Protein backbone atom coordinates (compact mmCIF):
# COMPACT_ATOMS: atom_id res chain seq x y z
CA MET A 1 128.54 159.10 69.26
CA TYR A 2 129.38 155.31 69.66
CA LYS A 3 132.81 156.16 71.03
CA ARG A 4 131.22 158.48 73.53
CA LEU A 5 128.63 155.91 74.50
CA SER A 6 131.25 153.16 74.83
CA ALA A 7 133.37 155.42 76.86
CA VAL A 8 130.51 155.73 79.35
CA LEU A 9 129.25 152.14 79.29
CA PHE A 10 132.62 150.36 79.35
CA PRO A 11 133.58 151.54 82.81
CA ILE A 12 130.08 150.78 84.13
CA ALA A 13 130.17 147.27 82.63
CA ALA A 14 133.64 146.73 84.05
CA LEU A 15 132.48 147.94 87.38
CA LEU A 16 129.52 145.53 87.30
CA LEU A 17 131.73 142.66 86.26
CA VAL A 18 134.15 143.32 89.11
CA GLY A 19 131.19 143.65 91.50
CA ALA A 20 129.72 140.35 90.27
CA ALA A 21 133.05 138.61 90.62
CA TYR A 22 133.56 140.01 94.14
CA TRP A 23 129.95 138.98 95.06
CA GLY A 24 130.51 135.45 93.74
CA TYR A 25 133.83 135.24 95.64
CA GLN A 26 132.05 136.32 98.83
CA GLU A 27 129.32 133.79 98.26
CA HIS A 28 131.86 131.07 97.66
CA GLN A 29 133.71 132.05 100.86
CA ASP A 30 130.48 132.11 102.87
CA LYS A 31 129.49 128.70 101.48
CA ASN A 32 132.87 127.28 102.36
CA ALA A 33 132.61 128.71 105.86
CA VAL A 34 129.24 126.98 106.38
CA LEU A 35 130.56 123.68 105.02
CA ILE A 36 133.66 123.87 107.20
CA LYS A 37 131.53 124.57 110.28
CA ALA A 38 129.18 121.68 109.45
CA GLU A 39 132.15 119.36 108.84
CA ASN A 40 133.72 120.37 112.11
CA GLN A 41 130.46 119.67 113.96
CA TYR A 42 130.13 116.19 112.34
CA GLN A 43 133.72 115.38 113.18
CA ARG A 44 133.29 116.46 116.77
CA ALA A 45 130.13 114.42 117.14
CA PHE A 46 131.74 111.33 115.60
CA HIS A 47 134.85 111.42 117.77
CA ASP A 48 132.79 112.16 120.88
CA LEU A 49 130.54 109.16 120.03
CA SER A 50 133.61 106.90 119.85
CA PHE A 51 134.88 108.25 123.22
CA HIS A 52 131.48 107.78 124.92
CA MET A 53 131.05 104.26 123.62
CA GLN A 54 134.46 103.47 125.11
CA GLN A 55 133.36 105.00 128.42
CA ILE A 56 130.11 102.90 128.39
CA HIS A 57 132.20 99.78 128.08
CA LYS A 58 134.52 100.95 130.83
CA GLN A 59 131.73 101.84 133.26
CA LEU A 60 130.00 98.48 132.62
CA GLY A 61 133.29 96.83 133.49
CA HIS A 62 133.61 98.89 136.72
CA THR A 63 130.02 97.86 137.70
CA LEU A 64 130.82 94.20 137.20
CA ALA A 65 134.19 94.35 138.90
CA VAL A 66 133.11 95.51 142.39
CA ASN A 67 131.77 93.29 145.15
CA SER A 68 128.17 92.16 144.75
CA ALA A 69 127.32 93.85 148.06
CA SER A 70 128.71 97.27 146.89
CA SER A 71 125.37 98.86 146.13
CA GLY A 72 126.88 102.35 146.20
CA GLN A 73 129.47 101.46 143.51
CA HIS A 74 126.80 99.71 141.48
CA ARG A 75 124.65 102.79 141.48
CA LYS A 76 127.54 105.06 140.61
CA GLY A 77 128.60 102.78 137.68
CA LEU A 78 125.02 102.44 136.34
CA VAL A 79 124.40 106.21 136.58
CA ASN A 80 127.57 106.79 134.60
CA VAL A 81 126.44 104.19 132.01
CA TRP A 82 123.13 105.96 131.69
CA ARG A 83 124.86 109.41 131.34
CA MET A 84 127.34 108.12 128.74
CA THR A 85 124.65 106.40 126.79
CA SER A 86 122.50 109.50 126.69
CA GLN A 87 125.52 111.48 125.40
CA ALA A 88 126.11 108.81 122.71
CA GLN A 89 122.46 108.98 121.57
CA ASN A 90 122.67 112.74 121.34
CA GLU A 91 125.82 112.51 119.18
CA ILE A 92 124.24 109.96 116.86
CA SER A 93 121.41 112.44 116.33
CA GLN A 94 123.93 115.08 115.26
CA LEU A 95 125.40 112.88 112.49
CA PRO A 96 123.89 112.81 108.93
CA LEU A 97 122.57 109.29 109.24
CA ASN A 98 118.90 110.01 108.46
CA MET A 99 119.05 108.08 105.22
CA LEU A 100 121.13 105.25 106.67
CA PRO A 101 119.49 102.28 108.47
CA PHE A 102 120.70 102.64 112.02
CA SER A 103 117.56 101.99 114.06
CA LYS A 104 118.71 98.69 115.67
CA ALA A 105 121.88 100.19 117.05
CA GLU A 106 119.90 103.22 118.36
CA ASP A 107 117.30 100.90 119.90
CA PHE A 108 120.17 98.92 121.53
CA LEU A 109 121.51 102.12 123.15
CA SER A 110 118.03 103.11 124.27
CA HIS A 111 117.64 99.80 126.05
CA VAL A 112 121.08 100.13 127.68
CA ALA A 113 120.13 103.63 128.88
CA SER A 114 116.76 102.48 130.25
CA LEU A 115 118.25 99.49 131.99
CA ALA A 116 120.97 101.57 133.66
CA TYR A 117 118.62 104.33 134.72
CA ARG A 118 115.83 102.19 136.07
CA THR A 119 118.20 99.92 137.90
CA SER A 120 120.13 102.82 139.46
CA ILE A 121 117.06 104.62 140.77
CA ARG A 122 115.83 101.68 142.84
CA ASP A 123 117.06 101.00 146.44
CA LEU A 124 119.91 98.56 145.64
CA THR A 125 120.42 97.93 149.38
CA LYS A 126 116.96 96.34 149.57
CA GLU A 127 116.81 95.08 145.93
CA PRO A 128 120.42 94.32 144.79
CA LEU A 129 121.33 93.23 141.26
CA SER A 130 119.91 89.89 140.50
CA ASP A 131 121.76 86.97 138.84
CA LYS A 132 119.85 87.61 135.57
CA GLU A 133 120.81 91.30 135.65
CA TYR A 134 124.49 90.28 136.14
CA VAL A 135 124.22 88.05 133.05
CA THR A 136 122.64 90.92 131.06
CA LEU A 137 125.40 93.39 132.18
CA LYS A 138 128.08 90.90 131.16
CA THR A 139 126.45 90.57 127.73
CA LEU A 140 126.29 94.35 127.32
CA TYR A 141 129.93 94.64 128.42
CA GLU A 142 130.98 92.18 125.64
CA LYS A 143 128.75 93.81 122.99
CA SER A 144 129.82 97.33 123.91
CA ASP A 145 133.42 96.27 123.43
CA GLU A 146 132.66 95.06 119.91
CA LEU A 147 130.93 98.36 119.02
CA THR A 148 133.73 100.37 120.58
CA LYS A 149 136.36 98.58 118.44
CA ASP A 150 134.28 99.12 115.33
CA LEU A 151 134.04 102.85 115.99
CA GLN A 152 137.67 103.11 116.80
CA ASN A 153 138.65 101.36 113.56
CA MET A 154 136.44 103.80 111.69
CA GLN A 155 138.01 106.66 113.62
CA ASN A 156 141.48 105.53 112.65
CA GLU A 157 140.41 105.30 108.97
CA VAL A 158 138.86 108.76 109.04
CA MET A 159 141.96 110.33 110.58
CA ALA A 160 144.53 108.41 108.46
CA ASN A 161 142.75 109.24 105.19
CA SER A 162 141.31 112.68 106.09
CA LEU A 163 137.84 111.49 105.29
CA ARG A 164 135.03 114.05 105.30
CA TRP A 165 131.55 113.69 106.67
CA MET A 166 130.25 116.03 104.00
CA ASP A 167 131.13 113.28 101.46
CA VAL A 168 128.97 110.90 103.56
CA GLU A 169 126.03 113.27 103.34
CA ILE A 170 126.50 113.62 99.55
CA ALA A 171 126.82 109.82 99.13
CA LEU A 172 123.70 109.15 101.21
CA ALA A 173 121.75 111.81 99.24
CA ALA A 174 122.90 110.15 95.96
CA LYS A 175 121.84 106.69 97.44
CA GLN A 176 125.25 105.22 96.74
CA GLN A 177 125.56 101.48 97.46
CA SER A 178 127.90 99.99 100.08
CA GLY A 179 131.60 99.71 99.24
CA ASN A 180 131.91 103.36 98.19
CA ASN A 181 132.39 105.00 101.60
CA VAL A 182 134.29 103.74 104.65
CA ILE A 183 132.08 105.57 107.10
CA ILE A 184 128.81 104.41 105.48
CA ASP A 185 130.10 100.84 105.31
CA GLY A 186 131.25 101.01 108.93
CA PHE A 187 127.84 102.13 110.25
CA ARG A 188 126.03 99.62 108.14
CA SER A 189 128.28 96.92 109.49
CA MET A 190 127.48 98.01 113.04
CA GLU A 191 123.72 97.91 112.28
CA ASP A 192 123.99 94.41 110.86
CA LYS A 193 126.06 93.26 113.83
CA VAL A 194 123.53 94.58 116.38
CA GLY A 195 120.75 92.94 114.39
CA GLN A 196 122.47 89.54 114.76
CA TYR A 197 122.82 89.78 118.56
CA PRO A 198 121.06 87.03 120.45
CA GLU A 199 117.94 88.00 122.31
CA ILE A 200 118.93 89.92 125.41
CA ASP A 201 117.01 89.54 128.64
CA TRP A 202 116.37 93.20 129.55
CA GLY A 203 114.11 92.25 132.44
CA PRO A 204 110.42 93.00 132.92
CA THR A 205 110.92 96.68 133.84
CA VAL A 206 112.70 97.65 130.71
CA ALA A 207 110.59 95.39 128.56
CA ALA A 208 107.47 97.16 129.88
CA VAL A 209 108.94 100.56 128.98
CA PHE A 210 109.57 99.53 125.35
CA GLU A 211 106.52 97.28 124.94
CA ARG A 212 104.43 98.74 122.19
CA GLN A 213 100.70 98.92 122.63
CA THR A 214 99.31 97.12 119.66
CA LEU A 215 95.71 96.45 118.72
CA ARG A 216 96.52 92.75 118.64
CA ALA A 217 97.20 92.86 122.35
CA LEU A 218 93.39 93.11 123.02
CA SER A 219 91.99 89.71 123.87
CA ALA A 220 88.46 90.26 122.42
CA ASP A 221 87.36 88.73 119.10
CA ALA A 222 87.51 90.66 115.90
CA VAL A 223 84.35 92.45 114.79
CA GLY A 224 83.18 93.28 111.19
CA PRO A 225 82.47 96.64 109.49
CA GLU A 226 78.70 96.22 110.00
CA GLU A 227 79.30 96.19 113.85
CA ILE A 228 81.41 99.32 113.61
CA GLN A 229 78.66 101.03 111.58
CA LYS A 230 76.14 100.31 114.43
CA LYS A 231 78.59 101.39 117.11
CA ALA A 232 79.34 104.70 115.33
CA ALA A 233 75.74 105.48 114.60
CA GLN A 234 74.82 104.78 118.25
CA PHE A 235 77.65 106.99 119.45
CA LEU A 236 76.53 109.85 117.25
CA GLY A 237 72.80 109.28 117.98
CA LEU A 238 72.01 108.43 114.40
CA GLU A 239 69.03 106.25 113.43
CA ASP A 240 70.44 105.20 110.05
CA ALA A 241 73.62 103.25 110.46
CA GLY A 242 73.86 103.12 106.61
CA ALA A 243 75.00 106.74 106.66
CA VAL A 244 78.28 105.63 108.25
CA GLU A 245 81.13 104.72 105.97
CA VAL A 246 83.67 102.21 107.36
CA VAL A 247 87.23 101.70 106.13
CA GLU A 248 89.56 98.98 107.44
CA ASN A 249 93.11 99.99 108.31
CA GLY A 250 96.30 97.85 108.45
CA SER A 251 94.73 94.60 107.50
CA GLY A 252 96.98 91.64 108.37
CA THR A 253 99.24 93.79 110.59
CA GLU A 254 99.43 94.39 114.34
CA TYR A 255 97.61 97.69 113.90
CA GLU A 256 94.34 96.42 112.48
CA SER A 257 91.55 98.96 113.07
CA TYR A 258 88.54 100.65 111.52
CA THR A 259 87.81 104.28 110.63
CA ALA A 260 84.19 105.31 110.51
CA THR A 261 83.21 108.63 108.88
CA VAL A 262 79.84 110.33 108.59
CA ASN A 263 78.61 113.71 107.29
CA VAL A 264 76.43 115.35 109.83
CA GLY A 265 75.89 118.71 108.23
CA GLY A 266 78.22 119.50 105.41
CA GLY A 267 81.94 120.25 105.67
CA GLU A 268 84.42 117.74 106.90
CA PRO A 269 82.95 114.48 108.17
CA VAL A 270 82.97 113.30 111.74
CA ARG A 271 85.63 110.59 112.27
CA LEU A 272 85.68 107.69 114.73
CA ASP A 273 88.54 105.13 115.06
CA TYR A 274 87.81 101.68 116.47
CA THR A 275 89.90 98.61 117.27
CA LYS A 276 89.19 95.67 115.09
CA ARG A 277 89.42 93.37 118.15
CA GLY A 278 86.39 94.13 120.37
CA GLY A 279 85.32 97.19 118.43
CA GLU A 280 86.59 99.56 121.13
CA LEU A 281 86.50 103.34 120.40
CA ILE A 282 90.06 104.72 120.18
CA SER A 283 89.33 108.33 119.15
CA PHE A 284 86.56 110.66 118.02
CA TYR A 285 86.92 113.92 116.09
CA ASN A 286 84.24 116.40 115.02
CA PRO A 287 85.90 119.11 112.91
CA ARG A 288 83.09 121.64 113.28
CA GLU A 289 83.80 125.37 113.52
CA ILE A 290 83.66 126.52 117.11
CA GLY A 291 81.93 129.79 117.92
CA GLU A 292 82.76 132.47 120.44
CA LYS A 293 83.24 131.42 124.06
CA GLN A 294 79.88 131.32 125.88
CA ILE A 295 80.36 129.01 128.88
CA ASP A 296 82.85 128.69 131.81
CA VAL A 297 85.20 125.86 132.59
CA GLN A 298 83.03 124.27 135.28
CA THR A 299 80.00 124.03 132.89
CA ALA A 300 82.25 122.51 130.21
CA GLU A 301 83.62 120.01 132.66
CA GLN A 302 80.11 118.86 133.77
CA SER A 303 79.11 118.56 130.15
CA THR A 304 82.26 116.54 129.45
CA ILE A 305 81.61 114.08 132.32
CA GLN A 306 77.93 113.62 131.26
CA PHE A 307 79.12 112.93 127.66
CA LEU A 308 81.45 110.24 128.92
CA GLU A 309 78.75 108.69 131.19
CA GLN A 310 76.29 108.56 128.28
CA HIS A 311 78.84 106.55 126.27
CA GLY A 312 79.78 104.04 128.97
CA TYR A 313 82.71 105.75 130.68
CA SER A 314 81.36 106.05 134.17
CA GLY A 315 83.19 107.32 137.25
CA MET A 316 85.61 109.53 135.34
CA GLN A 317 86.99 112.56 137.07
CA ALA A 318 88.74 115.59 135.52
CA VAL A 319 92.33 116.04 136.84
CA SER A 320 93.70 118.75 134.54
CA TYR A 321 92.54 121.45 132.15
CA ASP A 322 94.29 123.33 129.30
CA ASP A 323 92.64 126.45 127.81
CA TYR A 324 92.81 127.07 124.07
CA GLY A 325 90.58 130.08 123.71
CA ARG A 326 87.36 128.72 122.18
CA SER A 327 87.95 125.23 123.46
CA GLY A 328 89.50 123.43 126.38
CA ASN A 329 91.23 120.11 126.85
CA PHE A 330 90.24 118.02 129.84
CA THR A 331 92.25 115.01 131.07
CA LEU A 332 90.02 112.63 132.94
CA VAL A 333 90.93 109.44 134.83
CA GLY A 334 88.87 106.55 136.17
CA THR A 335 87.95 106.05 139.82
CA GLN A 336 87.55 102.95 141.83
CA ASP A 337 86.72 102.98 145.65
CA ASP A 338 87.50 106.67 145.73
CA VAL A 339 90.95 106.09 144.24
CA LEU A 340 92.03 108.02 141.11
CA ILE A 341 93.20 105.43 138.50
CA TYR A 342 95.65 107.39 136.31
CA PRO A 343 96.36 104.52 133.82
CA ASP A 344 92.61 104.71 132.83
CA ARG A 345 92.99 108.05 131.14
CA ILE A 346 90.86 109.82 128.50
CA THR A 347 91.50 113.25 126.94
CA VAL A 348 88.55 115.27 125.75
CA GLN A 349 88.44 118.62 123.89
CA ALA A 350 85.30 120.54 124.72
CA ALA A 351 83.98 123.48 122.70
CA LEU A 352 83.32 126.53 124.89
CA ASP A 353 80.49 127.85 122.76
CA ASP A 354 78.03 125.08 123.92
CA GLY A 355 80.14 122.85 126.11
CA LYS A 356 79.94 119.76 123.81
CA PRO A 357 83.02 117.64 123.17
CA VAL A 358 84.48 117.91 119.71
CA SER A 359 87.22 115.27 120.09
CA MET A 360 88.31 112.45 122.39
CA GLN A 361 91.33 110.29 122.66
CA ALA A 362 90.80 107.04 124.65
CA SER A 363 93.60 104.64 123.63
CA ASP A 364 95.09 104.60 127.17
CA TYR A 365 91.71 103.67 128.60
CA VAL A 366 91.23 100.92 126.00
CA TYR A 367 94.52 99.23 126.88
CA GLU A 368 94.59 99.80 130.65
CA HIS A 369 91.07 99.72 131.92
CA LYS A 370 90.20 96.79 134.11
CA GLU A 371 88.71 96.01 137.56
CA ARG A 372 91.70 96.13 140.01
CA LYS A 373 92.15 94.68 143.39
CA LEU A 374 93.51 97.76 145.09
CA PRO A 375 95.95 97.31 148.03
CA LYS A 376 95.39 98.84 151.38
CA PRO A 377 97.72 101.71 152.13
CA GLN A 378 100.24 101.01 154.90
CA LEU A 379 100.43 104.72 155.79
CA THR A 380 97.69 107.10 156.73
CA GLU A 381 97.30 110.34 154.91
CA GLN A 382 98.72 112.20 157.83
CA GLU A 383 101.84 109.92 157.89
CA ALA A 384 102.30 110.48 154.16
CA ARG A 385 102.06 114.24 154.69
CA GLU A 386 105.19 114.10 156.93
CA SER A 387 107.17 113.23 153.76
CA LEU A 388 106.30 116.55 152.13
CA ASN A 389 108.45 119.66 152.19
CA SER A 390 107.47 121.69 155.25
CA GLU A 391 106.86 124.75 153.02
CA PHE A 392 104.46 122.83 150.70
CA GLU A 393 100.88 124.30 151.11
CA VAL A 394 98.51 121.39 150.64
CA ARG A 395 95.16 122.31 148.97
CA THR A 396 93.75 118.79 148.38
CA ALA A 397 94.76 115.14 149.17
CA LYS A 398 93.48 112.02 147.42
CA ARG A 399 94.54 108.47 146.88
CA ALA A 400 95.74 107.68 143.43
CA LEU A 401 97.10 104.74 141.44
CA ILE A 402 99.94 105.80 139.10
CA HIS A 403 102.75 104.19 137.09
CA ASN A 404 106.08 104.68 138.70
CA GLU A 405 109.46 104.99 136.94
CA ARG A 406 109.62 101.25 136.53
CA LYS A 407 106.17 101.11 134.88
CA GLU A 408 104.64 99.43 137.84
CA GLU A 409 101.27 100.43 139.26
CA VAL A 410 101.70 101.88 142.79
CA LEU A 411 99.16 103.28 145.26
CA CYS A 412 100.01 106.82 146.34
CA TYR A 413 98.59 109.81 148.13
CA GLU A 414 98.18 112.71 145.68
CA PHE A 415 98.82 116.04 147.36
CA LEU A 416 97.95 119.18 145.31
CA GLY A 417 99.39 122.39 146.58
CA ARG A 418 101.70 125.35 146.17
CA ILE A 419 105.41 126.00 146.86
CA ASN A 420 107.82 128.66 145.49
CA GLY A 421 104.87 130.41 143.77
CA SER A 422 103.91 127.33 141.62
CA LEU A 423 101.24 124.74 141.71
CA TYR A 424 102.27 121.04 142.02
CA ARG A 425 101.05 117.54 142.40
CA ILE A 426 103.22 115.35 144.58
CA TYR A 427 102.67 111.67 144.79
CA ILE A 428 103.74 109.92 148.00
CA ASN A 429 104.01 106.12 147.99
CA ALA A 430 101.21 104.91 150.38
CA ASP A 431 103.42 102.02 151.58
CA THR A 432 106.96 103.52 151.82
CA GLY A 433 106.37 107.27 152.23
CA GLU A 434 108.77 107.93 149.35
CA GLU A 435 108.11 110.55 146.68
CA GLU A 436 107.21 108.57 143.57
CA SER A 437 106.54 111.51 141.27
CA ILE A 438 106.16 115.28 141.12
CA GLU A 439 104.28 117.26 138.49
CA GLU A 440 104.14 121.00 138.02
CA ILE A 441 100.84 122.31 136.80
CA PRO A 442 101.61 125.15 134.33
CA GLY A 443 99.49 128.23 133.80
CA MET A 444 98.02 128.35 137.28
CA ASN A 445 98.91 131.59 139.03
CA GLY A 446 96.43 131.41 141.82
CA ASP A 447 93.42 129.32 142.62
CA VAL A 448 93.17 125.61 141.83
CA PRO A 449 90.69 125.13 139.03
CA GLN A 450 87.66 122.90 139.45
CA ALA A 451 89.15 120.19 137.20
CA SER A 452 92.21 119.89 139.51
CA ALA A 453 90.41 120.26 142.94
């Protein structure tokens, strides 16, 4: 009986063993194929990064070499610098450097890209490169040469010793210290070198782009938790300020703020965030459950504007609307002398069961709102219309203050209309007649909604 049983089971066991061995071999082969593919991608990104850093240095040299009056060559060189820098940033993002400090080098490349782009888009015949910009470009030319040589030395090491990027990933995951991997040490050396660079004058345009909005930038005096309790209670229409709990955030840092919470009917509490300086409301969130849609967009818009007026945000006008089923998001901007002030922006989410706002984001308004001395437009609305595409069907026209590509406030004519089956806002500079910006309004197949009209 045992012989008969073994005669049956032995072939089956052998077959299973062979099958398991074959399956394991296939799994090993598949794993190796994935690793080889990943290694090839890492190697390609690394070698491309070295090439593009070399090209950045080369194009900066071309820009500096031509005559100071050669605005066309300056623009061409700066556009190439921007393009190559963008490529280099993309390649860095493809390398397994997440666990390696490389933020200073990436920030350096971001500033180079921004400087090149924002300088190249301006009219260099009217506003040529300044002496300060030449000094900055010369500094970047020297520093890019250093980084290029570092990358090329690493590249030579990688090729000469057949180093693998998969080993870099393993070493970073194991948190190995420096001195164990040529590639890791090379990138750490580059990061330290960039961190030791002297302060570079990027100019006001680039500095404005990278300037972080911090709560310390507000000029008002700091307020205490008791003041925040009163403000939150008043905002919510509560008689008892003691029901509001206040927590201080980021004490001693540039992000000092307060969070006020209050239970208004069970469930998650309502939350309000305030700046410590001046006690300005940054955001409001009421996590209540929203019922079925009962009201239309126009009613919700009116309710939103009334809500803002009740809380001290007067003169706001809705400029866009996004539908989310039971709720809708309105973007509203301030107005002054019938001009839309886009920097003074507030976003409000309104529930469509009763039209009442359930959340608000007002950080842009807090930092940007002020009384402005608006310039008089040099062009009439009709003259500005002449800059539009002849096929653009204008629905509405208004004056608007916006930030241009250089982060400067410019007065424009805002034309809302249709072309090629889509709805657009086109902003024409009220002084020069140039197109400052164009914005497609998604999800609008036909009529202009009330919030955009």
